[in-house]
Amino acid sequence: MYTPPFFKPDRAASLKFAGDRGFGTMCAFDGHKPVASPLPFYLTYAADGTPQAAFHAARHNPLVKLADGATSWLLAINGPDAYVSPDWYVSPDQVPTWLYQSVHLSGPVRLLSDDELAVQIDTLSDKFESWLLPKTPWNSAKMTAGRFETLKKAIVGLVMTVEEVEGSFKLNQHKSDADFAAIATALGVGDADAKQISQLMRQARPQAFADDTNKLERSVP
């Protein structure tokens, strides 16, 4: 991934982003063309601290046959993104751009055993069911054993040993405070992704919005 230094998050921030997001596009090469599938995953860590991305795919997914435990795959995880108009800058002579968050994880992928897959299914569902609290979380124990085993046979568990972590959090970090604040303000009235980017910009450089805070404080009787 090409990433200018001022957009590059550290390894810990990239892994946190990937783990929190938990959804990406897994890509491999079959010798003739790229093969890719969007899928949920969760991160775990080996005893030596090596990250691992655990996921599963339909048994007939072409990716399954490519999991040889040696060839490197790529997992691309994207967050919110937003278009930026040059008209929104304070400074003149700007050009259109796009702001986004993205992390790429790469490494070899191996197949999981049947027992490992059973654990993975519950771990993966636990991750996303926790997003729905206070709803009582779903788990595989709620299914009849026969039905669960039948459905489990239709999927294959896999795990990537993450050897490389690359990230790009492009949030206009290289712009002046005035331009930075102007863009964040404009994005703050956009769609859901634009609003998320705006909030990330405010968190990244709160000092750029100090004047707004001071104005608000002065206006309060």
C-alpha atoms as a PDB file:
ATOM      1  CA  MET A   1       0.000   0.000   0.000  1.00  0.00           C
ATOM      2  CA  TYR A   2       1.399   3.405  -0.957  1.00  0.00           C
ATOM      3  CA  THR A   3       1.203   5.658   2.097  1.00  0.00           C
ATOM      4  CA  PRO A   4       2.894   9.071   2.501  1.00  0.00           C
ATOM      5  CA  PRO A   5       4.512   9.365   5.957  1.00  0.00           C
ATOM      6  CA  PHE A   6       1.978  11.863   7.310  1.00  0.00           C
ATOM      7  CA  PHE A   7      -0.916   9.457   6.624  1.00  0.00           C
ATOM      8  CA  LYS A   8       0.768   6.357   8.060  1.00  0.00           C
ATOM      9  CA  PRO A   9      -0.608   5.072  11.390  1.00  0.00           C
ATOM     10  CA  ASP A  10       1.589   2.959  13.638  1.00  0.00           C
ATOM     11  CA  ARG A  11       1.249  -0.821  13.717  1.00  0.00           C
ATOM     12  CA  ALA A  12      -0.830  -0.859  16.907  1.00  0.00           C
ATOM     13  CA  ALA A  13      -3.328   1.670  15.508  1.00  0.00           C
ATOM     14  CA  SER A  14      -3.607  -0.286  12.248  1.00  0.00           C
ATOM     15  CA  LEU A  15      -4.280  -3.559  14.043  1.00  0.00           C
ATOM     16  CA  LYS A  16      -6.816  -1.932  16.356  1.00  0.00           C
ATOM     17  CA  PHE A  17      -8.650  -0.486  13.359  1.00  0.00           C
ATOM     18  CA  ALA A  18      -8.685  -3.867  11.615  1.00  0.00           C
ATOM     19  CA  GLY A  19      -9.841  -5.704  14.735  1.00  0.00           C
ATOM     20  CA  ASP A  20     -12.573  -3.201  15.518  1.00  0.00           C
ATOM     21  CA  ARG A  21     -13.849  -3.206  11.938  1.00  0.00           C
ATOM     22  CA  GLY A  22     -13.899  -7.009  11.612  1.00  0.00           C
ATOM     23  CA  PHE A  23     -14.910  -7.005   7.941  1.00  0.00           C
ATOM     24  CA  GLY A  24     -12.778  -6.857   4.813  1.00  0.00           C
ATOM     25  CA  THR A  25     -11.985  -8.304   1.404  1.00  0.00           C
ATOM     26  CA  MET A  26      -9.712 -11.345   1.298  1.00  0.00           C
ATOM     27  CA  CYS A  27      -7.644 -11.532  -1.873  1.00  0.00           C
ATOM     28  CA  ALA A  28      -5.468 -14.301  -3.317  1.00  0.00           C
ATOM     29  CA  PHE A  29      -3.981 -15.224  -6.706  1.00  0.00           C
ATOM     30  CA  ASP A  30      -4.835 -18.491  -8.416  1.00  0.00           C
ATOM     31  CA  GLY A  31      -1.954 -18.353 -10.899  1.00  0.00           C
ATOM     32  CA  HIS A  32      -4.033 -16.661 -13.586  1.00  0.00           C
ATOM     33  CA  LYS A  33      -6.167 -14.008 -11.941  1.00  0.00           C
ATOM     34  CA  PRO A  34      -6.968 -12.454  -8.557  1.00  0.00           C
ATOM     35  CA  VAL A  35      -9.646 -14.150  -6.432  1.00  0.00           C
ATOM     36  CA  ALA A  36     -11.415 -12.125  -3.739  1.00  0.00           C
ATOM     37  CA  SER A  37     -14.284 -12.425  -1.275  1.00  0.00           C
ATOM     38  CA  PRO A  38     -15.732  -9.964   1.273  1.00  0.00           C
ATOM     39  CA  LEU A  39     -15.995 -11.605   4.693  1.00  0.00           C
ATOM     40  CA  PRO A  40     -16.077 -11.045   8.460  1.00  0.00           C
ATOM     41  CA  PHE A  41     -13.084 -11.982  10.605  1.00  0.00           C
ATOM     42  CA  TYR A  42     -11.599 -11.511  14.037  1.00  0.00           C
ATOM     43  CA  LEU A  43      -8.030 -10.995  15.166  1.00  0.00           C
ATOM     44  CA  THR A  44      -6.275 -13.209  17.639  1.00  0.00           C
ATOM     45  CA  TYR A  45      -2.621 -13.464  18.632  1.00  0.00           C
ATOM     46  CA  ALA A  46      -0.201 -16.387  18.792  1.00  0.00           C
ATOM     47  CA  ALA A  47       1.931 -17.025  21.878  1.00  0.00           C
ATOM     48  CA  ASP A  48       4.768 -14.984  20.353  1.00  0.00           C
ATOM     49  CA  GLY A  49       2.434 -12.036  19.656  1.00  0.00           C
ATOM     50  CA  THR A  50       2.005 -12.673  15.936  1.00  0.00           C
ATOM     51  CA  PRO A  51      -1.439 -11.436  14.773  1.00  0.00           C
ATOM     52  CA  GLN A  52      -3.782 -13.939  13.176  1.00  0.00           C
ATOM     53  CA  ALA A  53      -6.946 -13.196  11.202  1.00  0.00           C
ATOM     54  CA  ALA A  54      -9.520 -15.986  11.608  1.00  0.00           C
ATOM     55  CA  PHE A  55     -12.410 -16.388   9.170  1.00  0.00           C
ATOM     56  CA  HIS A  56     -14.354 -18.953   7.197  1.00  0.00           C
ATOM     57  CA  ALA A  57     -15.636 -19.307   3.665  1.00  0.00           C
ATOM     58  CA  ALA A  58     -18.153 -21.400   1.783  1.00  0.00           C
ATOM     59  CA  ARG A  59     -16.687 -24.807   0.942  1.00  0.00           C
ATOM     60  CA  HIS A  60     -17.070 -24.099  -2.789  1.00  0.00           C
ATOM     61  CA  ASN A  61     -15.411 -20.672  -2.571  1.00  0.00           C
ATOM     62  CA  PRO A  62     -12.364 -20.702  -4.916  1.00  0.00           C
ATOM     63  CA  LEU A  63     -10.258 -19.231  -2.110  1.00  0.00           C
ATOM     64  CA  VAL A  64     -10.420 -22.494  -0.151  1.00  0.00           C
ATOM     65  CA  LYS A  65      -8.319 -24.422  -2.679  1.00  0.00           C
ATOM     66  CA  LEU A  66      -5.626 -21.728  -2.525  1.00  0.00           C
ATOM     67  CA  ALA A  67      -5.020 -22.014   1.245  1.00  0.00           C
ATOM     68  CA  ASP A  68      -1.711 -23.874   1.137  1.00  0.00           C
ATOM     69  CA  GLY A  69      -0.262 -22.408   4.326  1.00  0.00           C
ATOM     70  CA  ALA A  70       2.653 -20.839   2.426  1.00  0.00           C
ATOM     71  CA  THR A  71       1.394 -18.413  -0.241  1.00  0.00           C
ATOM     72  CA  SER A  72       0.697 -14.884   0.986  1.00  0.00           C
ATOM     73  CA  TRP A  73      -2.834 -13.477   0.758  1.00  0.00           C
ATOM     74  CA  LEU A  74      -4.055  -9.919   1.296  1.00  0.00           C
ATOM     75  CA  LEU A  75      -6.904  -8.839   3.591  1.00  0.00           C
ATOM     76  CA  ALA A  76      -8.056  -5.291   2.787  1.00  0.00           C
ATOM     77  CA  ILE A  77     -10.084  -3.542   5.500  1.00  0.00           C
ATOM     78  CA  ASN A  78     -11.724  -0.213   4.696  1.00  0.00           C
ATOM     79  CA  GLY A  79     -13.424   2.276   6.967  1.00  0.00           C
ATOM     80  CA  PRO A  80     -15.381   5.448   6.164  1.00  0.00           C
ATOM     81  CA  ASP A  81     -14.414   7.533   3.136  1.00  0.00           C
ATOM     82  CA  ALA A  82     -15.453  10.923   1.794  1.00  0.00           C
ATOM     83  CA  TYR A  83     -14.879  13.162  -1.222  1.00  0.00           C
ATOM     84  CA  VAL A  84     -13.418  16.622  -0.590  1.00  0.00           C
ATOM     85  CA  SER A  85     -14.263  19.548  -2.879  1.00  0.00           C
ATOM     86  CA  PRO A  86     -11.553  22.187  -3.506  1.00  0.00           C
ATOM     87  CA  ASP A  87     -14.225  24.828  -2.863  1.00  0.00           C
ATOM     88  CA  TRP A  88     -14.241  23.940   0.844  1.00  0.00           C
ATOM     89  CA  TYR A  89     -10.649  25.006   1.543  1.00  0.00           C
ATOM     90  CA  VAL A  90      -9.692  28.397   2.932  1.00  0.00           C
ATOM     91  CA  SER A  91      -6.533  28.405   0.810  1.00  0.00           C
ATOM     92  CA  PRO A  92      -6.794  28.894  -2.979  1.00  0.00           C
ATOM     93  CA  ASP A  93      -5.590  26.594  -5.755  1.00  0.00           C
ATOM     94  CA  GLN A  94      -6.558  23.298  -4.131  1.00  0.00           C
ATOM     95  CA  VAL A  95      -7.580  20.122  -5.968  1.00  0.00           C
ATOM     96  CA  PRO A  96     -10.222  17.446  -5.308  1.00  0.00           C
ATOM     97  CA  THR A  97      -9.193  14.591  -3.043  1.00  0.00           C
ATOM     98  CA  TRP A  98     -10.620  11.661  -1.095  1.00  0.00           C
ATOM     99  CA  LEU A  99     -10.201  11.013   2.619  1.00  0.00           C
ATOM    100  CA  TYR A 100     -10.364   7.491   4.048  1.00  0.00           C
ATOM    101  CA  GLN A 101      -9.089   4.875   6.454  1.00  0.00           C
ATOM    102  CA  SER A 102      -7.699   1.595   5.129  1.00  0.00           C
ATOM    103  CA  VAL A 103      -5.518  -1.231   6.460  1.00  0.00           C
ATOM    104  CA  HIS A 104      -3.968  -4.152   4.584  1.00  0.00           C
ATOM    105  CA  LEU A 105      -2.936  -7.356   6.349  1.00  0.00           C
ATOM    106  CA  SER A 106      -0.979  -9.987   4.469  1.00  0.00           C
ATOM    107  CA  GLY A 107       0.437 -13.436   5.127  1.00  0.00           C
ATOM    108  CA  PRO A 108      -0.058 -17.143   4.459  1.00  0.00           C
ATOM    109  CA  VAL A 109      -3.422 -18.820   5.108  1.00  0.00           C
ATOM    110  CA  ARG A 110      -3.997 -22.354   6.360  1.00  0.00           C
ATOM    111  CA  LEU A 111      -7.075 -24.512   6.800  1.00  0.00           C
ATOM    112  CA  LEU A 112      -8.549 -25.080  10.266  1.00  0.00           C
ATOM    113  CA  SER A 113      -9.552 -28.429  11.706  1.00  0.00           C
ATOM    114  CA  ASP A 114     -13.208 -29.188  12.375  1.00  0.00           C
ATOM    115  CA  ASP A 115     -12.739 -28.557  16.099  1.00  0.00           C
ATOM    116  CA  GLU A 116     -10.972 -25.243  15.408  1.00  0.00           C
ATOM    117  CA  LEU A 117     -13.814 -24.221  13.111  1.00  0.00           C
ATOM    118  CA  ALA A 118     -16.429 -24.856  15.833  1.00  0.00           C
ATOM    119  CA  VAL A 119     -14.543 -22.555  18.208  1.00  0.00           C
ATOM    120  CA  GLN A 120     -14.117 -19.967  15.463  1.00  0.00           C
ATOM    121  CA  ILE A 121     -17.839 -19.831  14.676  1.00  0.00           C
ATOM    122  CA  ASP A 122     -18.746 -19.008  18.269  1.00  0.00           C
ATOM    123  CA  THR A 123     -15.850 -16.562  18.686  1.00  0.00           C
ATOM    124  CA  LEU A 124     -16.839 -14.725  15.516  1.00  0.00           C
ATOM    125  CA  SER A 125     -20.516 -14.571  16.441  1.00  0.00           C
ATOM    126  CA  ASP A 126     -19.623 -13.425  19.978  1.00  0.00           C
ATOM    127  CA  LYS A 127     -17.696 -10.497  18.510  1.00  0.00           C
ATOM    128  CA  PHE A 128     -20.584  -9.182  16.449  1.00  0.00           C
ATOM    129  CA  GLU A 129     -23.387 -10.140  18.829  1.00  0.00           C
ATOM    130  CA  SER A 130     -21.668  -7.898  21.400  1.00  0.00           C
ATOM    131  CA  TRP A 131     -22.463  -4.971  19.101  1.00  0.00           C
ATOM    132  CA  LEU A 132     -26.169  -5.657  19.693  1.00  0.00           C
ATOM    133  CA  LEU A 133     -26.221  -5.571  23.499  1.00  0.00           C
ATOM    134  CA  PRO A 134     -28.403  -5.560  25.554  1.00  0.00           C
ATOM    135  CA  LYS A 135     -29.847  -8.207  23.218  1.00  0.00           C
ATOM    136  CA  THR A 136     -29.150 -11.698  24.561  1.00  0.00           C
ATOM    137  CA  PRO A 137     -26.257 -12.914  22.405  1.00  0.00           C
ATOM    138  CA  TRP A 138     -26.821 -15.714  19.910  1.00  0.00           C
ATOM    139  CA  ASN A 139     -24.502 -18.735  19.936  1.00  0.00           C
ATOM    140  CA  SER A 140     -24.459 -22.095  18.219  1.00  0.00           C
ATOM    141  CA  ALA A 141     -25.832 -23.827  21.325  1.00  0.00           C
ATOM    142  CA  LYS A 142     -29.229 -22.349  20.416  1.00  0.00           C
ATOM    143  CA  MET A 143     -29.348 -24.617  17.353  1.00  0.00           C
ATOM    144  CA  THR A 144     -30.194 -28.298  17.279  1.00  0.00           C
ATOM    145  CA  ALA A 145     -27.000 -30.327  16.996  1.00  0.00           C
ATOM    146  CA  GLY A 146     -27.938 -31.942  13.711  1.00  0.00           C
ATOM    147  CA  ARG A 147     -28.803 -28.663  12.041  1.00  0.00           C
ATOM    148  CA  PHE A 148     -25.596 -26.966  13.227  1.00  0.00           C
ATOM    149  CA  GLU A 149     -23.411 -29.840  12.029  1.00  0.00           C
ATOM    150  CA  THR A 150     -25.118 -29.849   8.626  1.00  0.00           C
ATOM    151  CA  LEU A 151     -24.528 -26.142   8.115  1.00  0.00           C
ATOM    152  CA  LYS A 152     -20.954 -26.348   9.429  1.00  0.00           C
ATOM    153  CA  LYS A 153     -20.118 -28.876   6.696  1.00  0.00           C
ATOM    154  CA  ALA A 154     -20.889 -26.193   4.115  1.00  0.00           C
ATOM    155  CA  ILE A 155     -18.054 -23.929   5.291  1.00  0.00           C
ATOM    156  CA  VAL A 156     -14.302 -24.184   5.788  1.00  0.00           C
ATOM    157  CA  GLY A 157     -12.362 -22.467   8.556  1.00  0.00           C
ATOM    158  CA  LEU A 158      -9.192 -20.571   7.686  1.00  0.00           C
ATOM    159  CA  VAL A 159      -6.636 -18.432   9.485  1.00  0.00           C
ATOM    160  CA  MET A 160      -4.068 -15.958   8.171  1.00  0.00           C
ATOM    161  CA  THR A 161      -0.748 -15.556   9.944  1.00  0.00           C
ATOM    162  CA  VAL A 162      -0.266 -11.811   9.576  1.00  0.00           C
ATOM    163  CA  GLU A 163       3.290 -11.108   8.449  1.00  0.00           C
ATOM    164  CA  GLU A 164       2.812  -7.548   7.231  1.00  0.00           C
ATOM    165  CA  VAL A 165       0.609  -4.709   8.478  1.00  0.00           C
ATOM    166  CA  GLU A 166       0.091  -1.615   6.309  1.00  0.00           C
ATOM    167  CA  GLY A 167      -2.218   1.286   7.006  1.00  0.00           C
ATOM    168  CA  SER A 168      -3.260   4.602   5.515  1.00  0.00           C
ATOM    169  CA  PHE A 169      -5.418   7.044   7.479  1.00  0.00           C
ATOM    170  CA  LYS A 170      -5.714   9.924   5.036  1.00  0.00           C
ATOM    171  CA  LEU A 171      -7.343  12.764   6.971  1.00  0.00           C
ATOM    172  CA  ASN A 172      -5.655  15.835   5.428  1.00  0.00           C
ATOM    173  CA  GLN A 173      -3.053  15.817   8.205  1.00  0.00           C
ATOM    174  CA  HIS A 174      -0.645  17.806   6.001  1.00  0.00           C
ATOM    175  CA  LYS A 175      -2.980  20.784   5.648  1.00  0.00           C
ATOM    176  CA  SER A 176      -2.969  23.990   7.721  1.00  0.00           C
ATOM    177  CA  ASP A 177      -5.241  24.247  10.764  1.00  0.00           C
ATOM    178  CA  ALA A 178      -7.514  26.632   8.857  1.00  0.00           C
ATOM    179  CA  ASP A 179      -7.920  24.288   5.883  1.00  0.00           C
ATOM    180  CA  PHE A 180      -8.146  21.227   8.129  1.00  0.00           C
ATOM    181  CA  ALA A 181     -10.970  22.772  10.173  1.00  0.00           C
ATOM    182  CA  ALA A 182     -12.787  24.004   7.061  1.00  0.00           C
ATOM    183  CA  ILE A 183     -12.819  20.533   5.517  1.00  0.00           C
ATOM    184  CA  ALA A 184     -13.950  18.857   8.731  1.00  0.00           C
ATOM    185  CA  THR A 185     -16.766  21.383   9.082  1.00  0.00           C
ATOM    186  CA  ALA A 186     -17.941  20.841   5.501  1.00  0.00           C
ATOM    187  CA  LEU A 187     -17.866  17.061   5.901  1.00  0.00           C
ATOM    188  CA  GLY A 188     -19.792  17.347   9.161  1.00  0.00           C
ATOM    189  CA  VAL A 189     -22.993  18.091   7.233  1.00  0.00           C
ATOM    190  CA  GLY A 190     -22.490  15.333   4.661  1.00  0.00           C
ATOM    191  CA  ASP A 191     -23.575  11.698   4.580  1.00  0.00           C
ATOM    192  CA  ALA A 192     -22.824   9.149   7.306  1.00  0.00           C
ATOM    193  CA  ASP A 193     -19.300   8.389   6.051  1.00  0.00           C
ATOM    194  CA  ALA A 194     -18.467  12.090   5.684  1.00  0.00           C
ATOM    195  CA  LYS A 195     -19.639  12.726   9.239  1.00  0.00           C
ATOM    196  CA  GLN A 196     -17.429   9.896  10.512  1.00  0.00           C
ATOM    197  CA  ILE A 197     -14.408  11.349   8.704  1.00  0.00           C
ATOM    198  CA  SER A 198     -15.235  14.768  10.167  1.00  0.00           C
ATOM    199  CA  GLN A 199     -15.306  13.302  13.677  1.00  0.00           C
ATOM    200  CA  LEU A 200     -12.001  11.497  13.134  1.00  0.00           C
ATOM    201  CA  MET A 201     -10.412  14.761  11.984  1.00  0.00           C
ATOM    202  CA  ARG A 202     -11.669  16.566  15.083  1.00  0.00           C
ATOM    203  CA  GLN A 203     -10.231  13.829  17.288  1.00  0.00           C
ATOM    204  CA  ALA A 204      -6.911  13.870  15.442  1.00  0.00           C
ATOM    205  CA  ARG A 205      -6.323  17.641  15.671  1.00  0.00           C
ATOM    206  CA  PRO A 206      -8.586  19.248  18.285  1.00  0.00           C
ATOM    207  CA  GLN A 207      -6.434  22.388  18.395  1.00  0.00           C
ATOM    208  CA  ALA A 208      -7.581  23.249  14.870  1.00  0.00           C
ATOM    209  CA  PHE A 209     -11.068  23.806  16.274  1.00  0.00           C
ATOM    210  CA  ALA A 210     -10.038  25.845  19.321  1.00  0.00           C
ATOM    211  CA  ASP A 211     -11.434  29.046  17.823  1.00  0.00           C
ATOM    212  CA  ASP A 212     -14.837  27.409  17.383  1.00  0.00           C
ATOM    213  CA  THR A 213     -14.803  26.276  21.012  1.00  0.00           C
ATOM    214  CA  ASN A 214     -13.793  29.716  22.241  1.00  0.00           C
ATOM    215  CA  LYS A 215     -16.523  31.375  20.185  1.00  0.00           C
ATOM    216  CA  LEU A 216     -19.085  28.974  21.635  1.00  0.00           C
ATOM    217  CA  GLU A 217     -17.899  29.605  25.189  1.00  0.00           C
ATOM    218  CA  ARG A 218     -18.078  33.380  24.679  1.00  0.00           C
ATOM    219  CA  SER A 219     -21.615  33.106  23.330  1.00  0.00           C
ATOM    220  CA  VAL A 220     -22.893  31.274  26.403  1.00  0.00           C
ATOM    221  CA  PRO A 221     -24.356  33.788  28.932  1.00  0.00           C
END
